[in-house]
Amino acid sequence: MTFFEKSYLSECRLDLWLWAARFYKTRNLAASNIKKGLVHLSGKTTTKPASILNKGSQLVIKNDFVIQTILVEEIAVKRVSYEKAKQFYKVISKDNRETATFFQARAKYKPDKKLRRNLKAFKEKLHFISDN
């Protein structure tokens, strides 16, 4: 398929496009995340990786702790370099609130040096008791 033929494409499979646009490393991984409901197509939770994707479609993709809203600008069938793949879509919004909340909660419960020493001594004491 040449570059000129690519411009005539008007639709493609959702899992194929997510793989070609480098949101997922493999098509199988993209398909499994679609089935889990982590990808929303035009406001609907799709459960089929073979859903049809058109130009102008809006995607909501949940990866780890990041929720991205994507506007599809170009249909792609082949996987290309990251720089070229960025031209396939436009990021409308990116939500990182959950990430900040997770790391703030984790920082609250991180023990300081004295607590770590006490915890280590307590574990050694329990280990010593269990040997007898």
Protein backbone atom coordinates (compact mmCIF):
# COMPACT_ATOMS: atom_id res chain seq x y z
CA MET A 1 0.00 0.00 0.00
CA THR A 2 1.50 3.33 -1.01
CA PHE A 3 1.14 6.66 0.71
CA PHE A 4 -1.39 7.86 -1.87
CA GLU A 5 -3.65 4.84 -1.37
CA LYS A 6 -3.64 5.47 2.36
CA SER A 7 -5.40 8.83 1.93
CA TYR A 8 -8.41 7.12 0.33
CA LEU A 9 -9.12 4.92 3.34
CA SER A 10 -12.25 6.04 5.12
CA GLU A 11 -12.63 3.38 7.78
CA CYS A 12 -10.70 0.65 9.56
CA ARG A 13 -10.88 -1.73 12.52
CA LEU A 14 -10.53 -0.17 15.95
CA ASP A 15 -7.85 -2.58 17.23
CA LEU A 16 -5.84 -2.19 14.02
CA TRP A 17 -5.87 1.61 14.26
CA LEU A 18 -4.90 1.62 17.95
CA TRP A 19 -1.95 -0.63 17.12
CA ALA A 20 -0.93 1.45 14.06
CA ALA A 21 -1.17 4.71 16.03
CA ARG A 22 1.11 3.18 18.71
CA PHE A 23 -1.28 3.25 21.66
CA TYR A 24 -0.66 -0.48 22.19
CA LYS A 25 2.35 -2.63 21.39
CA THR A 26 0.36 -5.49 19.81
CA ARG A 27 -3.07 -5.88 18.22
CA ASN A 28 -3.84 -8.63 20.70
CA LEU A 29 -3.22 -6.24 23.61
CA ALA A 30 -5.39 -3.59 21.96
CA ALA A 31 -8.19 -6.11 21.41
CA SER A 32 -8.08 -7.32 25.01
CA ASN A 33 -8.27 -3.75 26.36
CA ILE A 34 -11.23 -3.02 24.09
CA LYS A 35 -12.97 -6.13 25.41
CA LYS A 36 -12.26 -5.01 29.00
CA GLY A 37 -14.04 -1.71 28.29
CA LEU A 38 -10.97 0.53 28.55
CA VAL A 39 -11.63 2.09 25.12
CA HIS A 40 -14.75 4.12 24.38
CA LEU A 41 -15.65 4.89 20.76
CA SER A 42 -17.83 7.99 20.19
CA GLY A 43 -19.16 7.90 23.76
CA LYS A 44 -20.07 4.20 23.73
CA THR A 45 -18.17 1.43 25.44
CA THR A 46 -17.41 -0.97 22.62
CA THR A 47 -16.67 -4.60 23.35
CA LYS A 48 -15.71 -5.54 19.80
CA PRO A 49 -12.19 -5.00 18.48
CA ALA A 50 -13.62 -5.13 14.95
CA SER A 51 -15.69 -1.97 15.48
CA ILE A 52 -15.44 0.41 12.55
CA LEU A 53 -13.42 3.58 13.10
CA ASN A 54 -13.92 6.61 10.82
CA LYS A 55 -12.18 9.96 10.44
CA GLY A 56 -13.50 12.38 13.03
CA SER A 57 -14.33 9.65 15.55
CA GLN A 58 -13.68 10.41 19.17
CA LEU A 59 -11.93 7.86 21.40
CA VAL A 60 -11.50 7.77 25.17
CA ILE A 61 -8.56 5.56 26.09
CA LYS A 62 -7.73 4.53 29.66
CA ASN A 63 -4.09 3.45 30.09
CA ASP A 64 -2.74 2.86 33.60
CA PHE A 65 -3.69 6.07 35.44
CA VAL A 66 -4.11 8.31 32.37
CA ILE A 67 -7.40 8.97 30.57
CA GLN A 68 -6.96 10.45 27.09
CA THR A 69 -9.62 11.82 24.76
CA ILE A 70 -8.47 11.42 21.15
CA LEU A 71 -9.84 12.77 17.86
CA VAL A 72 -9.03 10.56 14.86
CA GLU A 73 -7.62 12.69 12.02
CA GLU A 74 -6.25 10.01 9.70
CA ILE A 75 -6.97 6.33 9.15
CA ALA A 76 -3.92 4.04 9.25
CA VAL A 77 -3.54 0.36 8.54
CA LYS A 78 0.24 0.02 8.78
CA ARG A 79 2.35 0.71 11.85
CA VAL A 80 4.73 3.61 11.28
CA SER A 81 7.27 5.53 13.35
CA TYR A 82 6.15 7.43 16.42
CA GLU A 83 6.61 10.83 14.75
CA LYS A 84 4.37 9.84 11.83
CA ALA A 85 1.86 8.12 14.11
CA LYS A 86 1.30 11.37 16.04
CA GLN A 87 -0.25 12.80 12.85
CA PHE A 88 -3.03 10.17 12.94
CA TYR A 89 -4.72 11.72 15.97
CA LYS A 90 -5.14 14.87 18.01
CA VAL A 91 -5.21 14.78 21.82
CA ILE A 92 -8.25 16.71 23.01
CA SER A 93 -7.73 16.20 26.75
CA LYS A 94 -5.48 14.25 29.05
CA ASP A 95 -6.54 13.56 32.63
CA ASN A 96 -3.85 12.70 35.20
CA ARG A 97 -5.83 13.27 38.41
CA GLU A 98 -5.82 9.61 39.42
CA THR A 99 -2.03 9.44 39.12
CA ALA A 100 -1.50 12.40 41.43
CA THR A 101 -3.98 10.99 43.96
CA PHE A 102 -2.27 7.58 43.91
CA PHE A 103 1.22 8.96 44.52
CA GLN A 104 0.04 11.39 47.21
CA ALA A 105 -1.67 8.56 49.10
CA ARG A 106 1.43 6.40 48.72
CA ALA A 107 3.68 9.18 50.05
CA LYS A 108 1.56 9.50 53.21
CA TYR A 109 2.21 5.93 54.30
CA LYS A 110 5.89 5.73 53.46
CA PRO A 111 7.77 5.01 56.70
CA ASP A 112 10.74 7.09 57.71
CA LYS A 113 14.12 5.67 58.67
CA LYS A 114 13.26 5.07 62.35
CA LEU A 115 10.03 3.25 61.49
CA ARG A 116 11.84 1.08 58.93
CA ARG A 117 14.43 0.09 61.56
CA ASN A 118 11.71 -0.77 64.05
CA LEU A 119 9.83 -2.78 61.44
CA LYS A 120 12.98 -4.69 60.50
CA ALA A 121 13.74 -5.45 64.16
CA PHE A 122 10.16 -6.59 64.73
CA LYS A 123 10.28 -8.93 61.71
CA GLU A 124 13.61 -10.40 62.90
CA LYS A 125 12.13 -10.93 66.35
CA LEU A 126 9.12 -12.75 64.85
CA HIS A 127 11.44 -14.87 62.72
CA PHE A 128 13.49 -15.76 65.81
CA ILE A 129 10.33 -16.77 67.72
CA SER A 130 9.04 -18.94 64.89
CA ASP A 131 12.33 -20.92 64.74
CA ASN A 132 11.91 -22.23 68.32
